[in-house]
N, C-alpha and C. Protein backbone atom coordinates (compact mmCIF):
# COMPACT_ATOMS: atom_id res chain seq x y z
N MET A 1 -18.01 21.95 30.36
CA MET A 1 -18.33 20.75 29.63
C MET A 1 -19.38 19.99 30.43
N THR A 2 -20.47 19.68 29.77
CA THR A 2 -21.54 18.92 30.43
C THR A 2 -21.49 17.49 29.93
N ILE A 3 -21.35 16.55 30.88
CA ILE A 3 -21.28 15.14 30.54
C ILE A 3 -22.56 14.46 31.00
N ASN A 4 -23.19 13.73 30.08
CA ASN A 4 -24.36 12.94 30.41
C ASN A 4 -24.08 11.50 30.04
N HIS A 5 -24.23 10.61 31.01
CA HIS A 5 -24.02 9.19 30.76
C HIS A 5 -25.27 8.61 30.11
N ILE A 6 -25.07 7.80 29.11
CA ILE A 6 -26.16 7.11 28.43
C ILE A 6 -25.98 5.63 28.78
N GLY A 7 -26.60 5.22 29.85
CA GLY A 7 -26.35 3.87 30.37
C GLY A 7 -24.92 3.77 30.86
N THR A 8 -24.35 2.58 30.78
CA THR A 8 -22.97 2.37 31.22
C THR A 8 -22.01 2.30 30.04
N ARG A 9 -22.55 2.36 28.82
CA ARG A 9 -21.71 2.13 27.65
C ARG A 9 -21.51 3.34 26.76
N ALA A 10 -22.13 4.45 27.07
CA ALA A 10 -22.00 5.62 26.21
C ALA A 10 -22.16 6.90 27.01
N MET A 11 -21.74 8.00 26.41
CA MET A 11 -21.91 9.31 27.05
C MET A 11 -22.01 10.38 25.98
N SER A 12 -22.58 11.49 26.38
CA SER A 12 -22.61 12.65 25.50
C SER A 12 -21.87 13.78 26.21
N LEU A 13 -21.20 14.59 25.42
CA LEU A 13 -20.48 15.75 25.94
C LEU A 13 -21.02 16.98 25.22
N TYR A 14 -21.43 17.98 25.99
CA TYR A 14 -21.88 19.25 25.42
C TYR A 14 -20.83 20.28 25.80
N ILE A 15 -20.24 20.92 24.80
CA ILE A 15 -19.15 21.86 25.03
C ILE A 15 -19.52 23.20 24.41
N THR A 16 -19.55 24.23 25.25
CA THR A 16 -19.96 25.56 24.80
C THR A 16 -18.82 26.25 24.04
N LYS A 17 -19.17 27.34 23.37
CA LYS A 17 -18.19 28.13 22.62
C LYS A 17 -17.11 28.67 23.53
N ALA A 18 -17.50 29.13 24.72
CA ALA A 18 -16.52 29.67 25.67
C ALA A 18 -15.51 28.60 26.08
N GLU A 19 -16.00 27.39 26.34
CA GLU A 19 -15.10 26.30 26.70
C GLU A 19 -14.19 25.93 25.53
N LEU A 20 -14.75 25.95 24.32
CA LEU A 20 -13.94 25.66 23.14
C LEU A 20 -12.86 26.72 22.95
N CYS A 21 -13.21 27.98 23.21
CA CYS A 21 -12.24 29.08 23.05
C CYS A 21 -11.05 28.91 23.98
N THR A 22 -11.31 28.43 25.20
CA THR A 22 -10.19 28.23 26.13
C THR A 22 -9.25 27.13 25.64
N LEU A 23 -9.75 26.26 24.78
CA LEU A 23 -8.94 25.19 24.21
C LEU A 23 -8.43 25.54 22.81
N ARG A 24 -8.71 26.79 22.39
CA ARG A 24 -8.34 27.31 21.07
C ARG A 24 -8.99 26.49 19.94
N LEU A 25 -10.27 26.20 20.13
CA LEU A 25 -11.04 25.46 19.14
C LEU A 25 -12.31 26.22 18.79
N THR A 26 -12.85 25.95 17.62
CA THR A 26 -14.16 26.47 17.23
C THR A 26 -14.99 25.29 16.72
N PRO A 27 -16.31 25.39 16.78
CA PRO A 27 -17.14 24.26 16.35
C PRO A 27 -16.88 23.78 14.93
N ASP A 28 -16.50 24.69 14.05
CA ASP A 28 -16.33 24.29 12.64
C ASP A 28 -15.02 23.58 12.34
N ILE A 29 -14.06 23.56 13.28
CA ILE A 29 -12.79 22.88 13.00
C ILE A 29 -12.62 21.58 13.79
N ILE A 30 -13.67 21.11 14.43
CA ILE A 30 -13.56 19.89 15.22
C ILE A 30 -13.54 18.68 14.28
N GLY A 31 -12.41 18.02 14.26
CA GLY A 31 -12.24 16.79 13.48
C GLY A 31 -12.01 15.62 14.43
N ARG A 32 -11.52 14.53 13.89
CA ARG A 32 -11.30 13.32 14.67
C ARG A 32 -10.31 13.55 15.82
N GLU A 33 -9.18 14.15 15.51
CA GLU A 33 -8.14 14.39 16.53
C GLU A 33 -8.65 15.29 17.65
N GLU A 34 -9.34 16.36 17.28
CA GLU A 34 -9.85 17.30 18.27
C GLU A 34 -10.93 16.63 19.13
N ALA A 35 -11.79 15.82 18.51
CA ALA A 35 -12.83 15.10 19.26
C ALA A 35 -12.21 14.13 20.25
N MET A 36 -11.18 13.41 19.82
CA MET A 36 -10.49 12.48 20.73
C MET A 36 -9.86 13.25 21.90
N GLY A 37 -9.28 14.40 21.60
CA GLY A 37 -8.69 15.22 22.65
C GLY A 37 -9.72 15.69 23.66
N LEU A 38 -10.89 16.11 23.16
CA LEU A 38 -11.97 16.55 24.05
C LEU A 38 -12.47 15.40 24.93
N LEU A 39 -12.60 14.22 24.34
CA LEU A 39 -13.04 13.06 25.12
C LEU A 39 -12.01 12.72 26.20
N LYS A 40 -10.74 12.70 25.83
CA LYS A 40 -9.69 12.40 26.82
C LYS A 40 -9.68 13.42 27.95
N LEU A 41 -9.88 14.68 27.61
CA LEU A 41 -9.95 15.73 28.63
C LEU A 41 -11.12 15.50 29.57
N ALA A 42 -12.28 15.18 29.01
CA ALA A 42 -13.47 14.93 29.84
C ALA A 42 -13.27 13.73 30.75
N LEU A 43 -12.68 12.68 30.22
CA LEU A 43 -12.44 11.48 31.03
C LEU A 43 -11.45 11.76 32.15
N ARG A 44 -10.39 12.49 31.84
CA ARG A 44 -9.38 12.83 32.84
C ARG A 44 -9.96 13.72 33.93
N GLU A 45 -10.69 14.76 33.53
CA GLU A 45 -11.27 15.69 34.50
C GLU A 45 -12.30 15.04 35.42
N ASN A 46 -12.99 14.03 34.91
CA ASN A 46 -14.02 13.36 35.70
C ASN A 46 -13.56 12.04 36.28
N ARG A 47 -12.28 11.77 36.17
CA ARG A 47 -11.67 10.56 36.73
C ARG A 47 -12.42 9.30 36.32
N LEU A 48 -12.70 9.20 35.05
CA LEU A 48 -13.39 8.03 34.52
C LEU A 48 -12.35 7.07 33.95
N ASP A 49 -11.70 6.33 34.83
CA ASP A 49 -10.66 5.39 34.42
C ASP A 49 -11.26 4.17 33.76
N GLY A 50 -10.50 3.56 32.88
CA GLY A 50 -10.92 2.34 32.22
C GLY A 50 -11.96 2.55 31.14
N TRP A 51 -12.28 3.78 30.82
CA TRP A 51 -13.29 4.08 29.80
C TRP A 51 -12.58 4.29 28.49
N GLU A 52 -12.83 3.43 27.54
CA GLU A 52 -12.15 3.52 26.26
C GLU A 52 -13.17 3.70 25.14
N ALA A 53 -13.04 4.76 24.37
CA ALA A 53 -14.01 5.04 23.31
C ALA A 53 -13.67 4.28 22.05
N ALA A 54 -14.66 3.84 21.36
CA ALA A 54 -14.45 3.17 20.09
C ALA A 54 -15.14 3.92 18.96
N GLU A 55 -16.19 4.60 19.29
CA GLU A 55 -16.97 5.27 18.26
C GLU A 55 -17.31 6.68 18.75
N LEU A 56 -17.02 7.65 17.92
CA LEU A 56 -17.31 9.04 18.25
C LEU A 56 -18.16 9.66 17.16
N GLU A 57 -19.13 10.44 17.56
CA GLU A 57 -19.92 11.22 16.62
C GLU A 57 -19.92 12.66 17.11
N VAL A 58 -19.64 13.58 16.21
CA VAL A 58 -19.56 15.00 16.57
C VAL A 58 -20.62 15.76 15.80
N TYR A 59 -21.37 16.59 16.53
CA TYR A 59 -22.40 17.44 15.93
C TYR A 59 -22.08 18.89 16.27
N PRO A 60 -21.42 19.60 15.34
CA PRO A 60 -21.11 21.00 15.61
C PRO A 60 -22.36 21.87 15.45
N GLY A 61 -22.48 22.82 16.33
CA GLY A 61 -23.56 23.79 16.25
C GLY A 61 -22.99 25.16 15.97
N LYS A 62 -23.83 26.16 16.04
CA LYS A 62 -23.40 27.53 15.78
C LYS A 62 -22.37 28.00 16.82
N ASP A 63 -22.64 27.66 18.08
CA ASP A 63 -21.76 28.14 19.14
C ASP A 63 -21.42 27.06 20.17
N SER A 64 -21.53 25.79 19.78
CA SER A 64 -21.20 24.70 20.70
C SER A 64 -21.06 23.41 19.88
N ILE A 65 -20.66 22.34 20.55
CA ILE A 65 -20.65 21.04 19.90
C ILE A 65 -21.26 20.01 20.84
N LEU A 66 -21.79 18.97 20.23
CA LEU A 66 -22.31 17.83 20.97
C LEU A 66 -21.53 16.62 20.47
N LEU A 67 -20.92 15.91 21.39
CA LEU A 67 -20.10 14.76 21.04
C LEU A 67 -20.67 13.53 21.73
N PHE A 68 -20.89 12.46 20.98
CA PHE A 68 -21.33 11.19 21.54
C PHE A 68 -20.18 10.21 21.47
N ALA A 69 -19.94 9.48 22.54
CA ALA A 69 -18.88 8.48 22.60
C ALA A 69 -19.47 7.17 23.07
N ARG A 70 -19.10 6.09 22.40
CA ARG A 70 -19.59 4.76 22.74
C ARG A 70 -18.40 3.88 23.09
N ARG A 71 -18.53 3.15 24.15
CA ARG A 71 -17.45 2.36 24.72
C ARG A 71 -17.27 1.02 24.01
N LYS A 72 -16.01 0.61 23.86
CA LYS A 72 -15.76 -0.72 23.32
C LYS A 72 -15.38 -1.67 24.45
N SER A 73 -15.57 -2.93 24.21
CA SER A 73 -15.26 -3.95 25.20
C SER A 73 -13.75 -4.12 25.32
N GLY A 74 -13.27 -4.45 26.49
CA GLY A 74 -11.86 -4.74 26.68
C GLY A 74 -11.53 -6.18 26.36
N ALA A 75 -12.55 -7.00 26.11
CA ALA A 75 -12.33 -8.42 25.82
C ALA A 75 -12.46 -8.66 24.32
N PRO A 76 -11.34 -8.82 23.61
CA PRO A 76 -11.42 -9.04 22.17
C PRO A 76 -11.86 -10.46 21.84
N LYS A 77 -12.40 -10.61 20.64
CA LYS A 77 -12.74 -11.92 20.09
C LYS A 77 -11.91 -12.10 18.83
N HIS A 78 -11.32 -13.27 18.68
CA HIS A 78 -10.45 -13.56 17.54
C HIS A 78 -11.14 -14.54 16.60
N PHE A 79 -11.08 -14.23 15.29
CA PHE A 79 -11.69 -15.08 14.28
C PHE A 79 -10.64 -15.42 13.23
N PHE A 80 -10.48 -16.71 12.95
CA PHE A 80 -9.51 -17.18 11.96
C PHE A 80 -10.19 -17.36 10.61
N PHE A 81 -9.53 -16.89 9.56
CA PHE A 81 -10.01 -17.04 8.18
C PHE A 81 -8.88 -17.69 7.37
N ALA A 82 -9.19 -18.82 6.73
CA ALA A 82 -8.17 -19.54 5.97
C ALA A 82 -7.82 -18.82 4.67
N SER A 83 -8.77 -18.05 4.11
CA SER A 83 -8.48 -17.35 2.85
C SER A 83 -8.83 -15.87 2.97
N PHE A 84 -8.13 -15.07 2.18
CA PHE A 84 -8.37 -13.63 2.17
C PHE A 84 -9.75 -13.32 1.60
N GLU A 85 -10.20 -14.11 0.63
CA GLU A 85 -11.51 -13.89 0.01
C GLU A 85 -12.63 -14.07 1.02
N THR A 86 -12.52 -15.11 1.85
CA THR A 86 -13.54 -15.35 2.88
C THR A 86 -13.53 -14.22 3.90
N LEU A 87 -12.35 -13.76 4.26
CA LEU A 87 -12.21 -12.64 5.18
C LEU A 87 -12.89 -11.40 4.61
N LEU A 88 -12.67 -11.13 3.32
CA LEU A 88 -13.28 -9.96 2.68
C LEU A 88 -14.80 -10.05 2.66
N GLN A 89 -15.33 -11.23 2.38
CA GLN A 89 -16.78 -11.41 2.39
C GLN A 89 -17.35 -11.08 3.76
N ALA A 90 -16.72 -11.59 4.81
CA ALA A 90 -17.19 -11.32 6.17
C ALA A 90 -17.07 -9.83 6.50
N ALA A 91 -15.95 -9.21 6.10
CA ALA A 91 -15.74 -7.79 6.39
C ALA A 91 -16.80 -6.92 5.72
N HIS A 92 -17.21 -7.30 4.51
CA HIS A 92 -18.23 -6.51 3.81
C HIS A 92 -19.62 -6.70 4.39
N LEU A 93 -19.81 -7.72 5.21
CA LEU A 93 -21.11 -7.96 5.83
C LEU A 93 -21.16 -7.52 7.30
N ALA A 94 -20.00 -7.23 7.87
CA ALA A 94 -19.92 -6.80 9.27
C ALA A 94 -19.98 -5.27 9.35
N PRO A 95 -20.40 -4.73 10.50
CA PRO A 95 -20.41 -3.27 10.65
C PRO A 95 -18.98 -2.71 10.59
N ASP A 96 -18.76 -1.69 9.76
CA ASP A 96 -17.40 -1.17 9.60
C ASP A 96 -16.92 -0.34 10.77
N MET A 97 -17.81 0.11 11.65
CA MET A 97 -17.36 0.92 12.77
C MET A 97 -16.88 0.07 13.95
N LEU A 98 -16.97 -1.24 13.83
CA LEU A 98 -16.54 -2.13 14.90
C LEU A 98 -15.02 -2.06 15.03
N PRO A 99 -14.49 -1.75 16.20
CA PRO A 99 -13.04 -1.71 16.38
C PRO A 99 -12.44 -3.08 16.08
N SER A 100 -11.38 -3.10 15.28
CA SER A 100 -10.82 -4.37 14.85
C SER A 100 -9.37 -4.21 14.41
N SER A 101 -8.67 -5.34 14.37
CA SER A 101 -7.31 -5.39 13.83
C SER A 101 -7.17 -6.68 13.04
N LEU A 102 -6.17 -6.73 12.17
CA LEU A 102 -5.98 -7.89 11.31
C LEU A 102 -4.52 -8.30 11.33
N ALA A 103 -4.29 -9.61 11.55
CA ALA A 103 -2.93 -10.15 11.55
C ALA A 103 -2.85 -11.32 10.58
N ARG A 104 -1.66 -11.52 10.04
CA ARG A 104 -1.38 -12.66 9.17
C ARG A 104 -0.73 -13.72 10.04
N THR A 105 -1.29 -14.92 10.03
CA THR A 105 -0.73 -16.02 10.81
C THR A 105 -0.47 -17.19 9.87
N GLN A 106 0.14 -18.20 10.41
CA GLN A 106 0.43 -19.38 9.60
C GLN A 106 -0.89 -20.01 9.14
N GLY A 107 -1.06 -20.08 7.86
CA GLY A 107 -2.26 -20.71 7.31
C GLY A 107 -3.44 -19.79 7.09
N GLY A 108 -3.34 -18.51 7.42
CA GLY A 108 -4.48 -17.63 7.21
C GLY A 108 -4.36 -16.28 7.88
N TYR A 109 -5.51 -15.76 8.27
CA TYR A 109 -5.62 -14.42 8.85
C TYR A 109 -6.45 -14.49 10.12
N VAL A 110 -6.10 -13.64 11.08
CA VAL A 110 -6.91 -13.54 12.30
C VAL A 110 -7.42 -12.11 12.42
N LEU A 111 -8.73 -12.00 12.42
CA LEU A 111 -9.40 -10.73 12.61
C LEU A 111 -9.78 -10.64 14.08
N THR A 112 -9.29 -9.64 14.76
CA THR A 112 -9.62 -9.43 16.16
C THR A 112 -10.62 -8.29 16.23
N VAL A 113 -11.75 -8.53 16.87
CA VAL A 113 -12.77 -7.49 17.00
C VAL A 113 -13.01 -7.21 18.47
N TYR A 114 -13.37 -5.97 18.74
CA TYR A 114 -13.72 -5.52 20.09
C TYR A 114 -15.18 -5.08 20.05
N PRO A 115 -16.10 -5.99 20.36
CA PRO A 115 -17.51 -5.62 20.32
C PRO A 115 -17.80 -4.50 21.30
N PHE A 116 -18.86 -3.77 21.05
CA PHE A 116 -19.25 -2.75 22.00
C PHE A 116 -19.65 -3.44 23.28
N GLU A 117 -19.35 -2.82 24.40
CA GLU A 117 -19.56 -3.44 25.70
C GLU A 117 -20.98 -3.96 25.87
N GLY A 118 -21.07 -5.22 26.27
CA GLY A 118 -22.36 -5.83 26.49
C GLY A 118 -22.99 -6.44 25.25
N GLU A 119 -22.32 -6.36 24.10
CA GLU A 119 -22.86 -6.90 22.86
C GLU A 119 -21.94 -8.00 22.33
N PRO A 120 -22.51 -8.98 21.64
CA PRO A 120 -21.68 -10.03 21.04
C PRO A 120 -21.08 -9.54 19.72
N PRO A 121 -20.06 -10.24 19.22
CA PRO A 121 -19.55 -9.91 17.88
C PRO A 121 -20.63 -10.19 16.83
N PRO A 122 -20.52 -9.60 15.65
CA PRO A 122 -21.51 -9.87 14.61
C PRO A 122 -21.57 -11.35 14.26
N ALA A 123 -22.76 -11.87 14.06
CA ALA A 123 -22.96 -13.29 13.75
C ALA A 123 -22.25 -13.70 12.47
N VAL A 124 -22.10 -12.77 11.52
CA VAL A 124 -21.46 -13.10 10.25
C VAL A 124 -20.01 -13.56 10.45
N LEU A 125 -19.35 -13.10 11.50
CA LEU A 125 -17.97 -13.53 11.74
C LEU A 125 -17.92 -14.99 12.17
N TYR A 126 -18.92 -15.43 12.91
CA TYR A 126 -19.01 -16.84 13.28
C TYR A 126 -19.33 -17.70 12.06
N GLU A 127 -20.10 -17.14 11.13
CA GLU A 127 -20.51 -17.88 9.94
C GLU A 127 -19.35 -18.07 8.97
N TYR A 128 -18.54 -17.03 8.76
CA TYR A 128 -17.46 -17.10 7.78
C TYR A 128 -16.11 -17.49 8.38
N GLY A 129 -15.91 -17.23 9.65
CA GLY A 129 -14.63 -17.53 10.29
C GLY A 129 -14.79 -18.55 11.39
N GLU A 130 -13.67 -18.91 11.98
CA GLU A 130 -13.65 -19.83 13.11
C GLU A 130 -13.14 -19.07 14.33
N THR A 131 -13.86 -19.19 15.46
CA THR A 131 -13.36 -18.53 16.66
C THR A 131 -12.08 -19.23 17.09
N THR A 132 -11.18 -18.47 17.58
CA THR A 132 -9.91 -19.01 18.04
C THR A 132 -9.59 -18.39 19.39
N ALA A 133 -9.01 -19.19 20.26
CA ALA A 133 -8.66 -18.71 21.60
C ALA A 133 -7.45 -17.79 21.51
N GLY A 134 -7.37 -16.90 22.45
CA GLY A 134 -6.23 -16.00 22.50
C GLY A 134 -6.44 -14.93 23.55
N ALA A 135 -5.36 -14.53 24.15
CA ALA A 135 -5.41 -13.51 25.19
C ALA A 135 -5.65 -12.13 24.58
N ALA A 136 -6.04 -11.20 25.43
CA ALA A 136 -6.28 -9.83 24.98
C ALA A 136 -5.01 -9.19 24.42
N CYS A 137 -3.85 -9.68 24.85
CA CYS A 137 -2.58 -9.10 24.39
C CYS A 137 -2.08 -9.72 23.08
N LEU A 138 -2.83 -10.63 22.49
CA LEU A 138 -2.42 -11.29 21.25
C LEU A 138 -2.11 -10.30 20.11
N PRO A 139 -2.95 -9.28 19.88
CA PRO A 139 -2.60 -8.31 18.83
C PRO A 139 -1.26 -7.61 19.09
N ALA A 140 -0.93 -7.35 20.33
CA ALA A 140 0.37 -6.74 20.64
C ALA A 140 1.50 -7.69 20.27
N HIS A 141 1.31 -8.97 20.52
CA HIS A 141 2.31 -9.97 20.16
C HIS A 141 2.51 -10.01 18.65
N TRP A 142 1.39 -10.00 17.89
CA TRP A 142 1.51 -10.02 16.44
C TRP A 142 2.21 -8.77 15.92
N ALA A 143 1.93 -7.64 16.53
CA ALA A 143 2.61 -6.40 16.11
C ALA A 143 4.10 -6.52 16.37
N GLU A 144 4.46 -7.06 17.51
CA GLU A 144 5.87 -7.24 17.87
C GLU A 144 6.57 -8.19 16.91
N GLN A 145 5.86 -9.20 16.44
CA GLN A 145 6.44 -10.20 15.53
C GLN A 145 6.37 -9.81 14.06
N GLY A 146 5.80 -8.64 13.78
CA GLY A 146 5.69 -8.17 12.40
C GLY A 146 4.57 -8.85 11.62
N GLN A 147 3.62 -9.44 12.31
CA GLN A 147 2.52 -10.13 11.65
C GLN A 147 1.26 -9.26 11.53
N MET A 148 1.25 -8.12 12.18
CA MET A 148 0.08 -7.24 12.16
C MET A 148 0.00 -6.56 10.80
N LEU A 149 -1.12 -6.73 10.13
CA LEU A 149 -1.33 -6.10 8.83
C LEU A 149 -2.06 -4.77 8.97
N ILE A 150 -3.12 -4.74 9.80
CA ILE A 150 -3.90 -3.53 10.02
C ILE A 150 -4.14 -3.42 11.52
N ALA A 151 -3.57 -2.41 12.15
CA ALA A 151 -3.62 -2.30 13.61
C ALA A 151 -4.94 -1.75 14.15
N GLY A 152 -5.67 -0.98 13.38
CA GLY A 152 -6.92 -0.40 13.86
C GLY A 152 -7.91 -0.22 12.72
N SER A 153 -9.19 -0.33 13.04
CA SER A 153 -10.28 -0.18 12.06
C SER A 153 -10.08 -1.09 10.86
N ALA A 154 -9.70 -2.34 11.12
CA ALA A 154 -9.40 -3.27 10.03
C ALA A 154 -10.60 -3.54 9.14
N ILE A 155 -11.78 -3.71 9.73
CA ILE A 155 -12.97 -3.99 8.91
C ILE A 155 -13.25 -2.82 7.98
N ALA A 156 -13.21 -1.61 8.50
CA ALA A 156 -13.45 -0.42 7.67
C ALA A 156 -12.40 -0.31 6.56
N CYS A 157 -11.15 -0.59 6.90
CA CYS A 157 -10.06 -0.52 5.92
C CYS A 157 -10.24 -1.55 4.82
N LEU A 158 -10.59 -2.78 5.19
CA LEU A 158 -10.82 -3.83 4.19
C LEU A 158 -11.98 -3.46 3.27
N ARG A 159 -13.04 -2.92 3.86
CA ARG A 159 -14.20 -2.55 3.05
C ARG A 159 -13.87 -1.40 2.09
N MET A 160 -13.03 -0.49 2.54
CA MET A 160 -12.69 0.67 1.71
C MET A 160 -11.75 0.31 0.55
N HIS A 161 -10.81 -0.60 0.79
CA HIS A 161 -9.76 -0.84 -0.18
C HIS A 161 -9.91 -2.11 -1.02
N PHE A 162 -10.82 -3.00 -0.63
CA PHE A 162 -10.97 -4.25 -1.38
C PHE A 162 -12.44 -4.51 -1.69
N ALA A 163 -12.69 -4.88 -2.92
CA ALA A 163 -14.04 -5.25 -3.33
C ALA A 163 -14.22 -6.76 -3.17
N VAL A 164 -15.43 -7.17 -2.96
CA VAL A 164 -15.73 -8.59 -2.87
C VAL A 164 -15.83 -9.13 -4.28
N GLN A 165 -15.18 -10.27 -4.50
CA GLN A 165 -15.20 -10.89 -5.82
C GLN A 165 -16.61 -11.39 -6.12
N GLN A 166 -17.16 -11.02 -7.25
CA GLN A 166 -18.51 -11.43 -7.65
C GLN A 166 -18.55 -12.93 -7.88
N GLY A 167 -19.62 -13.57 -7.37
CA GLY A 167 -19.78 -15.00 -7.54
C GLY A 167 -19.05 -15.81 -6.51
N ALA A 168 -18.36 -15.14 -5.58
CA ALA A 168 -17.61 -15.86 -4.55
C ALA A 168 -18.50 -16.18 -3.37
């Protein structure tokens, strides 16, 4: 496995057919789960602690694969939305690949986003929502209290399952 760092926030992994065979994989069957497994293996073998992937792209070839991984920030940003409609409007204008979660709180919804390392959250979230203070462990608290609605990829999930009301 050949690992190339792309700055401090991303890396590429080149995995040959022989290496895939030792893992009982072929380029044509690499899906999300297999890609995550390959990334975890590469991180473990190279002792890259604290590296957490948020976005993966896989390019299978005839006899190898190329995998790109982009790091997410460990510092979440929380945005409060008083109405579900406003939340949906913001979600449809924000990038759907942004790691996120959604919780129901008293009086509204809190969308937690994890911007890619070194980048700010999308400006549209500041426009439609209100920033709210909270520790990095806040989503875990909401999950424990049964307030977590969508634990991962919340923006993508909202965009996929809900349409924006016309004229809103």
